Amino acid sequence: MLKKLISGSCGVLLGTTLLSGVAFSQNSSNCRDLPTYTQLKTALIAAKNSGNGGFGLNMWGTIVNRDGEVCAIAFTGNDRGDQWPGSRVISAQKANTANAFSLPGLALSTANLFTAVQPGGTLFGLQESNPVDPSVAYGGNSANYGQSNDPMNGGKIGGVNVFGGGLALYNKQGKLVGAIGVSGDSSCADHNIAWKTRHALNFDNIPGGVVLGTDNIDYSANSPWGHPQCSPAATTIGNALPTDFPVGPAL
């Protein structure tokens, strides 16, 4: 249902952001192979409203390209203050992380990184690498945050986030083209919403991952790729994602 909804949506000519003296719009070659602002917003709202085991809060969503440049930022509420303001940058961090640590042959979600970055873990300290660029994260007119002309568009946001909500984007040909990050609820609900949004956008043709061949969240005990549970409902929904919203060639 979600895929049919989004596949019928048409992108619109987006606004242009001036960044470092260079005019940038999502219709540039940097982002032309990724979902548009309108498609992201439509899919994000549908996923948020589908039941995710969280608090039912409004969400932020960000898409980056393979170079880590922000291509679209949207929210599900009526105004930018209807969802946690801090989650705008967190959603961008998650997108950056999923893109930065996924490969053409291996998809890693931000949820997959949680255990490995804990003290004593094999990736401890990863979250301190690749810091957010404050000028990209907080620049521009706040009134444009979450709009098609969000001042973050075109900037390399940076940042590493290590809990649920970030997923790499693979197109119909299985090519890694960027990532999506979602934030605004519990980290487990964020993952569920991100998964459903990616599925609706037809960018989940992943090559394989560390959790039963996927990049799904892993609640297994003692898993090296594990993530803590947030609620029984979120766990049930998360475990069923590969069945209810299967990865694979877009339909």
C-alpha atoms as a PDB file:
ATOM      1  CA  MET A   1       0.000   0.000   0.000  1.00  0.00           C
ATOM      2  CA  LEU A   2       2.744   2.464   0.943  1.00  0.00           C
ATOM      3  CA  LYS A   3       4.717   1.694  -2.214  1.00  0.00           C
ATOM      4  CA  LYS A   4       1.656   2.257  -4.403  1.00  0.00           C
ATOM      5  CA  LEU A   5       0.994   5.567  -2.659  1.00  0.00           C
ATOM      6  CA  ILE A   6       4.486   6.907  -3.209  1.00  0.00           C
ATOM      7  CA  SER A   7       4.954   5.544  -6.728  1.00  0.00           C
ATOM      8  CA  GLY A   8       1.974   7.635  -7.751  1.00  0.00           C
ATOM      9  CA  SER A   9       3.382  10.827  -6.232  1.00  0.00           C
ATOM     10  CA  CYS A  10       5.018  13.368  -8.490  1.00  0.00           C
ATOM     11  CA  GLY A  11       8.023  15.459  -7.524  1.00  0.00           C
ATOM     12  CA  VAL A  12       7.778  19.226  -7.764  1.00  0.00           C
ATOM     13  CA  LEU A  13      10.343  21.831  -8.682  1.00  0.00           C
ATOM     14  CA  LEU A  14      12.074  22.574  -5.427  1.00  0.00           C
ATOM     15  CA  GLY A  15      13.460  25.811  -4.085  1.00  0.00           C
ATOM     16  CA  THR A  16      17.107  26.694  -4.441  1.00  0.00           C
ATOM     17  CA  THR A  17      19.468  27.169  -1.504  1.00  0.00           C
ATOM     18  CA  LEU A  18      22.575  29.347  -1.682  1.00  0.00           C
ATOM     19  CA  LEU A  19      25.423  27.473  -0.003  1.00  0.00           C
ATOM     20  CA  SER A  20      28.999  28.752  -0.013  1.00  0.00           C
ATOM     21  CA  GLY A  21      28.163  30.929  -2.986  1.00  0.00           C
ATOM     22  CA  VAL A  22      26.870  28.012  -5.094  1.00  0.00           C
ATOM     23  CA  ALA A  23      23.229  27.712  -6.092  1.00  0.00           C
ATOM     24  CA  PHE A  24      21.934  24.274  -5.164  1.00  0.00           C
ATOM     25  CA  SER A  25      18.585  22.653  -5.786  1.00  0.00           C
ATOM     26  CA  GLN A  26      17.432  19.092  -5.344  1.00  0.00           C
ATOM     27  CA  ASN A  27      16.951  18.844  -9.083  1.00  0.00           C
ATOM     28  CA  SER A  28      20.711  19.149  -9.567  1.00  0.00           C
ATOM     29  CA  SER A  29      22.723  16.105 -10.602  1.00  0.00           C
ATOM     30  CA  ASN A  30      23.773  15.685  -6.957  1.00  0.00           C
ATOM     31  CA  CYS A  31      20.305  14.491  -5.943  1.00  0.00           C
ATOM     32  CA  ARG A  32      18.429  13.667  -9.118  1.00  0.00           C
ATOM     33  CA  ASP A  33      18.459   9.902  -8.463  1.00  0.00           C
ATOM     34  CA  LEU A  34      17.021  10.241  -4.953  1.00  0.00           C
ATOM     35  CA  PRO A  35      13.480  10.777  -3.634  1.00  0.00           C
ATOM     36  CA  THR A  36      12.235  14.350  -3.819  1.00  0.00           C
ATOM     37  CA  TYR A  37      11.167  16.434  -0.866  1.00  0.00           C
ATOM     38  CA  THR A  38       7.510  15.775  -1.700  1.00  0.00           C
ATOM     39  CA  GLN A  39       8.021  12.023  -1.943  1.00  0.00           C
ATOM     40  CA  LEU A  40       9.953  11.933   1.327  1.00  0.00           C
ATOM     41  CA  LYS A  41       7.308  13.922   3.181  1.00  0.00           C
ATOM     42  CA  THR A  42       4.433  11.807   1.831  1.00  0.00           C
ATOM     43  CA  ALA A  43       6.145   8.528   2.700  1.00  0.00           C
ATOM     44  CA  LEU A  44       7.266   9.756   6.122  1.00  0.00           C
ATOM     45  CA  ILE A  45       3.756  10.837   7.108  1.00  0.00           C
ATOM     46  CA  ALA A  46       2.258   7.533   5.967  1.00  0.00           C
ATOM     47  CA  ALA A  47       4.879   5.525   7.856  1.00  0.00           C
ATOM     48  CA  LYS A  48       4.532   7.607  11.006  1.00  0.00           C
ATOM     49  CA  ASN A  49       0.771   7.064  11.020  1.00  0.00           C
ATOM     50  CA  SER A  50       0.997   3.297  10.509  1.00  0.00           C
ATOM     51  CA  GLY A  51       1.725   2.320  14.146  1.00  0.00           C
ATOM     52  CA  ASN A  52       5.324   1.785  15.222  1.00  0.00           C
ATOM     53  CA  GLY A  53       5.356   0.883  18.907  1.00  0.00           C
ATOM     54  CA  GLY A  54       6.510   4.294  20.052  1.00  0.00           C
ATOM     55  CA  PHE A  55       4.781   7.385  21.372  1.00  0.00           C
ATOM     56  CA  GLY A  56       3.141   8.372  18.092  1.00  0.00           C
ATOM     57  CA  LEU A  57       5.130  11.611  17.911  1.00  0.00           C
ATOM     58  CA  ASN A  58       5.759  13.687  14.818  1.00  0.00           C
ATOM     59  CA  MET A  59       8.970  12.995  12.950  1.00  0.00           C
ATOM     60  CA  TRP A  60      11.841  14.512  11.017  1.00  0.00           C
ATOM     61  CA  GLY A  61      13.326  12.769   7.989  1.00  0.00           C
ATOM     62  CA  THR A  62      16.488  13.547   6.017  1.00  0.00           C
ATOM     63  CA  ILE A  63      17.954  12.131   2.819  1.00  0.00           C
ATOM     64  CA  VAL A  64      21.628  12.403   1.845  1.00  0.00           C
ATOM     65  CA  ASN A  65      23.386  11.360  -1.330  1.00  0.00           C
ATOM     66  CA  ARG A  66      26.420   9.099  -1.559  1.00  0.00           C
ATOM     67  CA  ASP A  67      28.749  12.037  -0.879  1.00  0.00           C
ATOM     68  CA  GLY A  68      26.883  12.861   2.331  1.00  0.00           C
ATOM     69  CA  GLU A  69      25.262  15.991   0.913  1.00  0.00           C
ATOM     70  CA  VAL A  70      21.782  16.702   2.229  1.00  0.00           C
ATOM     71  CA  CYS A  71      19.149  16.421  -0.498  1.00  0.00           C
ATOM     72  CA  ALA A  72      15.832  16.709   1.360  1.00  0.00           C
ATOM     73  CA  ILE A  73      14.520  17.352   4.875  1.00  0.00           C
ATOM     74  CA  ALA A  74      10.880  17.042   5.864  1.00  0.00           C
ATOM     75  CA  PHE A  75       8.689  16.756   8.945  1.00  0.00           C
ATOM     76  CA  THR A  76       5.275  15.224   9.569  1.00  0.00           C
ATOM     77  CA  GLY A  77       3.631  17.931  11.695  1.00  0.00           C
ATOM     78  CA  ASN A  78       1.985  21.158  10.622  1.00  0.00           C
ATOM     79  CA  ASP A  79       4.927  23.305  11.712  1.00  0.00           C
ATOM     80  CA  ARG A  80       8.594  22.772  12.562  1.00  0.00           C
ATOM     81  CA  GLY A  81       7.806  23.014  16.283  1.00  0.00           C
ATOM     82  CA  ASP A  82       5.384  20.066  16.166  1.00  0.00           C
ATOM     83  CA  GLN A  83       8.292  17.617  16.467  1.00  0.00           C
ATOM     84  CA  TRP A  84      11.404  17.764  18.648  1.00  0.00           C
ATOM     85  CA  PRO A  85      13.578  20.565  17.211  1.00  0.00           C
ATOM     86  CA  GLY A  86      16.710  18.614  18.113  1.00  0.00           C
ATOM     87  CA  SER A  87      15.620  15.705  15.943  1.00  0.00           C
ATOM     88  CA  ARG A  88      16.152  17.664  12.736  1.00  0.00           C
ATOM     89  CA  VAL A  89      19.923  17.390  13.071  1.00  0.00           C
ATOM     90  CA  ILE A  90      19.717  13.875  14.555  1.00  0.00           C
ATOM     91  CA  SER A  91      17.809  12.681  11.494  1.00  0.00           C
ATOM     92  CA  ALA A  92      20.556  14.127   9.304  1.00  0.00           C
ATOM     93  CA  GLN A  93      23.245  12.474  11.449  1.00  0.00           C
ATOM     94  CA  LYS A  94      21.502   9.132  11.050  1.00  0.00           C
ATOM     95  CA  ALA A  95      21.343   9.527   7.286  1.00  0.00           C
ATOM     96  CA  ASN A  96      25.019  10.469   7.185  1.00  0.00           C
ATOM     97  CA  THR A  97      25.962   7.473   9.337  1.00  0.00           C
ATOM     98  CA  ALA A  98      24.034   4.886   7.339  1.00  0.00           C
ATOM     99  CA  ASN A  99      25.564   6.235   4.136  1.00  0.00           C
ATOM    100  CA  ALA A 100      29.077   6.519   5.547  1.00  0.00           C
ATOM    101  CA  PHE A 101      29.211   2.956   6.860  1.00  0.00           C
ATOM    102  CA  SER A 102      27.311   1.072   4.177  1.00  0.00           C
ATOM    103  CA  LEU A 103      28.919  -0.334   1.040  1.00  0.00           C
ATOM    104  CA  PRO A 104      27.743  -1.530  -2.378  1.00  0.00           C
ATOM    105  CA  GLY A 105      27.852  -5.071  -0.997  1.00  0.00           C
ATOM    106  CA  LEU A 106      26.849  -4.520   2.650  1.00  0.00           C
ATOM    107  CA  ALA A 107      24.068  -2.425   4.202  1.00  0.00           C
ATOM    108  CA  LEU A 108      24.481  -1.307   7.815  1.00  0.00           C
ATOM    109  CA  SER A 109      21.771   0.534   9.710  1.00  0.00           C
ATOM    110  CA  THR A 110      22.494   2.890  12.576  1.00  0.00           C
ATOM    111  CA  ALA A 111      20.721   0.367  14.816  1.00  0.00           C
ATOM    112  CA  ASN A 112      23.342  -2.238  13.886  1.00  0.00           C
ATOM    113  CA  LEU A 113      26.097  -0.075  15.399  1.00  0.00           C
ATOM    114  CA  PHE A 114      24.751   0.305  18.944  1.00  0.00           C
ATOM    115  CA  THR A 115      26.487  -2.634  20.641  1.00  0.00           C
ATOM    116  CA  ALA A 116      29.830  -2.313  18.853  1.00  0.00           C
ATOM    117  CA  VAL A 117      30.343   1.307  19.959  1.00  0.00           C
ATOM    118  CA  GLN A 118      29.807   0.674  23.673  1.00  0.00           C
ATOM    119  CA  PRO A 119      32.880   0.743  25.962  1.00  0.00           C
ATOM    120  CA  GLY A 120      34.917  -2.361  25.233  1.00  0.00           C
ATOM    121  CA  GLY A 121      33.191  -2.823  21.875  1.00  0.00           C
ATOM    122  CA  THR A 122      35.034  -3.299  18.609  1.00  0.00           C
ATOM    123  CA  LEU A 123      33.938   0.110  17.306  1.00  0.00           C
ATOM    124  CA  PHE A 124      34.155   2.097  20.551  1.00  0.00           C
ATOM    125  CA  GLY A 125      34.830   5.735  19.710  1.00  0.00           C
ATOM    126  CA  LEU A 126      33.200   5.611  16.285  1.00  0.00           C
ATOM    127  CA  GLN A 127      30.532   8.039  17.434  1.00  0.00           C
ATOM    128  CA  GLU A 128      33.227  10.670  18.040  1.00  0.00           C
ATOM    129  CA  SER A 129      34.429  10.568  14.444  1.00  0.00           C
ATOM    130  CA  ASN A 130      33.069  12.610  11.534  1.00  0.00           C
ATOM    131  CA  PRO A 131      31.603  15.462  13.620  1.00  0.00           C
ATOM    132  CA  VAL A 132      28.578  17.496  12.552  1.00  0.00           C
ATOM    133  CA  ASP A 133      29.351  20.725  10.713  1.00  0.00           C
ATOM    134  CA  PRO A 134      27.565  23.368  12.854  1.00  0.00           C
ATOM    135  CA  SER A 135      27.389  25.870  10.002  1.00  0.00           C
ATOM    136  CA  VAL A 136      25.407  23.359   7.936  1.00  0.00           C
ATOM    137  CA  ALA A 137      23.307  22.101  10.848  1.00  0.00           C
ATOM    138  CA  TYR A 138      22.222  25.434  12.291  1.00  0.00           C
ATOM    139  CA  GLY A 139      22.659  28.005   9.553  1.00  0.00           C
ATOM    140  CA  GLY A 140      20.065  29.941   7.625  1.00  0.00           C
ATOM    141  CA  ASN A 141      16.527  31.010   8.374  1.00  0.00           C
ATOM    142  CA  SER A 142      14.827  28.746  10.908  1.00  0.00           C
ATOM    143  CA  ALA A 143      11.485  29.373   9.196  1.00  0.00           C
ATOM    144  CA  ASN A 144      12.745  27.241   6.292  1.00  0.00           C
ATOM    145  CA  TYR A 145      13.653  24.217   8.426  1.00  0.00           C
ATOM    146  CA  GLY A 146      11.914  21.134   7.093  1.00  0.00           C
ATOM    147  CA  GLN A 147      10.810  22.898   3.908  1.00  0.00           C
ATOM    148  CA  SER A 148      11.938  22.251   0.349  1.00  0.00           C
ATOM    149  CA  ASN A 149      14.444  25.104   0.760  1.00  0.00           C
ATOM    150  CA  ASP A 150      15.846  24.010   4.121  1.00  0.00           C
ATOM    151  CA  PRO A 151      19.261  25.711   4.436  1.00  0.00           C
ATOM    152  CA  MET A 152      20.854  22.345   5.211  1.00  0.00           C
ATOM    153  CA  ASN A 153      20.250  21.259   1.599  1.00  0.00           C
ATOM    154  CA  GLY A 154      23.457  20.879  -0.342  1.00  0.00           C
ATOM    155  CA  GLY A 155      25.681  20.842   2.738  1.00  0.00           C
ATOM    156  CA  LYS A 156      27.725  17.949   4.050  1.00  0.00           C
ATOM    157  CA  ILE A 157      26.183  17.528   7.488  1.00  0.00           C
ATOM    158  CA  GLY A 158      28.551  14.946   8.963  1.00  0.00           C
ATOM    159  CA  GLY A 159      27.825  13.342  12.323  1.00  0.00           C
ATOM    160  CA  VAL A 160      27.641   9.755  13.563  1.00  0.00           C
ATOM    161  CA  ASN A 161      24.563   8.384  15.300  1.00  0.00           C
ATOM    162  CA  VAL A 162      24.475   4.873  16.720  1.00  0.00           C
ATOM    163  CA  PHE A 163      20.848   4.026  17.489  1.00  0.00           C
ATOM    164  CA  GLY A 164      17.844   3.141  15.351  1.00  0.00           C
ATOM    165  CA  GLY A 165      16.594   5.338  12.527  1.00  0.00           C
ATOM    166  CA  GLY A 166      19.217   5.410   9.769  1.00  0.00           C
ATOM    167  CA  LEU A 167      19.168   3.190   6.667  1.00  0.00           C
ATOM    168  CA  ALA A 168      21.140   3.126   3.428  1.00  0.00           C
ATOM    169  CA  LEU A 169      19.257   3.648   0.151  1.00  0.00           C
ATOM    170  CA  TYR A 170      19.704   1.216  -2.748  1.00  0.00           C
ATOM    171  CA  ASN A 171      17.832   1.933  -5.975  1.00  0.00           C
ATOM    172  CA  LYS A 172      16.017  -0.491  -8.294  1.00  0.00           C
ATOM    173  CA  GLN A 173      19.326  -1.595  -9.794  1.00  0.00           C
ATOM    174  CA  GLY A 174      20.736  -2.320  -6.346  1.00  0.00           C
ATOM    175  CA  LYS A 175      23.100   0.665  -6.465  1.00  0.00           C
ATOM    176  CA  LEU A 176      23.914   2.428  -3.193  1.00  0.00           C
ATOM    177  CA  VAL A 177      22.886   6.052  -3.742  1.00  0.00           C
ATOM    178  CA  GLY A 178      22.681   7.537  -0.234  1.00  0.00           C
ATOM    179  CA  ALA A 179      20.699   7.096   2.956  1.00  0.00           C
ATOM    180  CA  ILE A 180      17.677   8.155   4.980  1.00  0.00           C
ATOM    181  CA  GLY A 181      17.593   9.195   8.617  1.00  0.00           C
ATOM    182  CA  VAL A 182      14.467   9.456  10.768  1.00  0.00           C
ATOM    183  CA  SER A 183      14.154  10.935  14.274  1.00  0.00           C
ATOM    184  CA  GLY A 184      11.456  12.131  16.631  1.00  0.00           C
ATOM    185  CA  ASP A 185      10.230   9.151  18.660  1.00  0.00           C
ATOM    186  CA  SER A 186      11.883   6.267  20.510  1.00  0.00           C
ATOM    187  CA  SER A 187      14.927   4.945  18.681  1.00  0.00           C
ATOM    188  CA  CYS A 188      13.101   1.676  17.981  1.00  0.00           C
ATOM    189  CA  ALA A 189      10.078   3.461  16.516  1.00  0.00           C
ATOM    190  CA  ASP A 190      12.470   5.621  14.495  1.00  0.00           C
ATOM    191  CA  HIS A 191      13.910   2.475  12.921  1.00  0.00           C
ATOM    192  CA  ASN A 192      10.470   1.083  12.160  1.00  0.00           C
ATOM    193  CA  ILE A 193       9.395   4.342  10.518  1.00  0.00           C
ATOM    194  CA  ALA A 194      12.628   4.618   8.531  1.00  0.00           C
ATOM    195  CA  TRP A 195      12.227   1.034   7.279  1.00  0.00           C
ATOM    196  CA  LYS A 196       8.631   1.633   6.154  1.00  0.00           C
ATOM    197  CA  THR A 197       9.545   4.947   4.544  1.00  0.00           C
ATOM    198  CA  ARG A 198      12.423   3.415   2.590  1.00  0.00           C
ATOM    199  CA  HIS A 199      10.169   0.568   1.492  1.00  0.00           C
ATOM    200  CA  ALA A 200       7.492   2.988   0.268  1.00  0.00           C
ATOM    201  CA  LEU A 201      10.091   4.957  -1.676  1.00  0.00           C
ATOM    202  CA  ASN A 202      11.355   1.789  -3.448  1.00  0.00           C
ATOM    203  CA  PHE A 203      14.940   2.220  -2.260  1.00  0.00           C
ATOM    204  CA  ASP A 204      15.296  -0.999  -0.246  1.00  0.00           C
ATOM    205  CA  ASN A 205      16.970  -3.243  -2.815  1.00  0.00           C
ATOM    206  CA  ILE A 206      19.804  -3.945  -0.377  1.00  0.00           C
ATOM    207  CA  PRO A 207      22.612  -6.417  -1.144  1.00  0.00           C
ATOM    208  CA  GLY A 208      22.614  -7.987   2.317  1.00  0.00           C
ATOM    209  CA  GLY A 209      23.364  -7.137   5.893  1.00  0.00           C
ATOM    210  CA  VAL A 210      24.502  -8.469   9.247  1.00  0.00           C
ATOM    211  CA  VAL A 211      21.053  -9.477  10.597  1.00  0.00           C
ATOM    212  CA  LEU A 212      19.772 -12.481   8.654  1.00  0.00           C
ATOM    213  CA  GLY A 213      20.898 -10.882   5.419  1.00  0.00           C
ATOM    214  CA  THR A 214      19.275  -7.525   6.156  1.00  0.00           C
ATOM    215  CA  ASP A 215      20.061  -4.263   7.927  1.00  0.00           C
ATOM    216  CA  ASN A 216      17.097  -4.700  10.270  1.00  0.00           C
ATOM    217  CA  ILE A 217      17.292  -3.869  13.957  1.00  0.00           C
ATOM    218  CA  ASP A 218      18.450  -6.866  16.030  1.00  0.00           C
ATOM    219  CA  TYR A 219      16.987  -7.551  19.474  1.00  0.00           C
ATOM    220  CA  SER A 220      18.723 -10.907  19.869  1.00  0.00           C
ATOM    221  CA  ALA A 221      20.482 -11.466  23.171  1.00  0.00           C
ATOM    222  CA  ASN A 222      24.277 -11.102  23.006  1.00  0.00           C
ATOM    223  CA  SER A 223      24.254 -10.121  19.344  1.00  0.00           C
ATOM    224  CA  PRO A 224      27.343  -8.142  18.245  1.00  0.00           C
ATOM    225  CA  TRP A 225      24.931  -6.036  16.172  1.00  0.00           C
ATOM    226  CA  GLY A 226      22.257  -5.775  18.865  1.00  0.00           C
ATOM    227  CA  HIS A 227      20.066  -2.870  19.933  1.00  0.00           C
ATOM    228  CA  PRO A 228      18.198  -2.468  23.247  1.00  0.00           C
ATOM    229  CA  GLN A 229      14.435  -2.890  23.274  1.00  0.00           C
ATOM    230  CA  CYS A 230      12.232   0.171  23.724  1.00  0.00           C
ATOM    231  CA  SER A 231       8.804  -1.443  24.100  1.00  0.00           C
ATOM    232  CA  PRO A 232       7.248  -4.864  23.451  1.00  0.00           C
ATOM    233  CA  ALA A 233       5.154  -3.382  20.646  1.00  0.00           C
ATOM    234  CA  ALA A 234       8.153  -1.817  18.888  1.00  0.00           C
ATOM    235  CA  THR A 235      10.073  -5.083  19.191  1.00  0.00           C
ATOM    236  CA  THR A 236       7.233  -7.092  17.652  1.00  0.00           C
ATOM    237  CA  ILE A 237       6.891  -4.636  14.774  1.00  0.00           C
ATOM    238  CA  GLY A 238      10.650  -4.471  14.232  1.00  0.00           C
ATOM    239  CA  ASN A 239      11.118  -8.222  14.136  1.00  0.00           C
ATOM    240  CA  ALA A 240       8.356  -8.514  11.534  1.00  0.00           C
ATOM    241  CA  LEU A 241       9.639  -5.767   9.219  1.00  0.00           C
ATOM    242  CA  PRO A 242      11.466  -8.071   6.755  1.00  0.00           C
ATOM    243  CA  THR A 243       8.260 -10.084   6.367  1.00  0.00           C
ATOM    244  CA  ASP A 244       5.709  -7.281   6.363  1.00  0.00           C
ATOM    245  CA  PHE A 245       7.865  -4.855   4.336  1.00  0.00           C
ATOM    246  CA  PRO A 246      10.400  -7.099   2.587  1.00  0.00           C
ATOM    247  CA  VAL A 247      13.606  -5.774   1.114  1.00  0.00           C
ATOM    248  CA  GLY A 248      14.308  -6.567  -2.485  1.00  0.00           C
ATOM    249  CA  PRO A 249      13.624  -5.368  -6.000  1.00  0.00           C
ATOM    250  CA  ALA A 250      11.107  -2.526  -6.135  1.00  0.00           C
ATOM    251  CA  LEU A 251       7.661  -3.336  -7.505  1.00  0.00           C
END
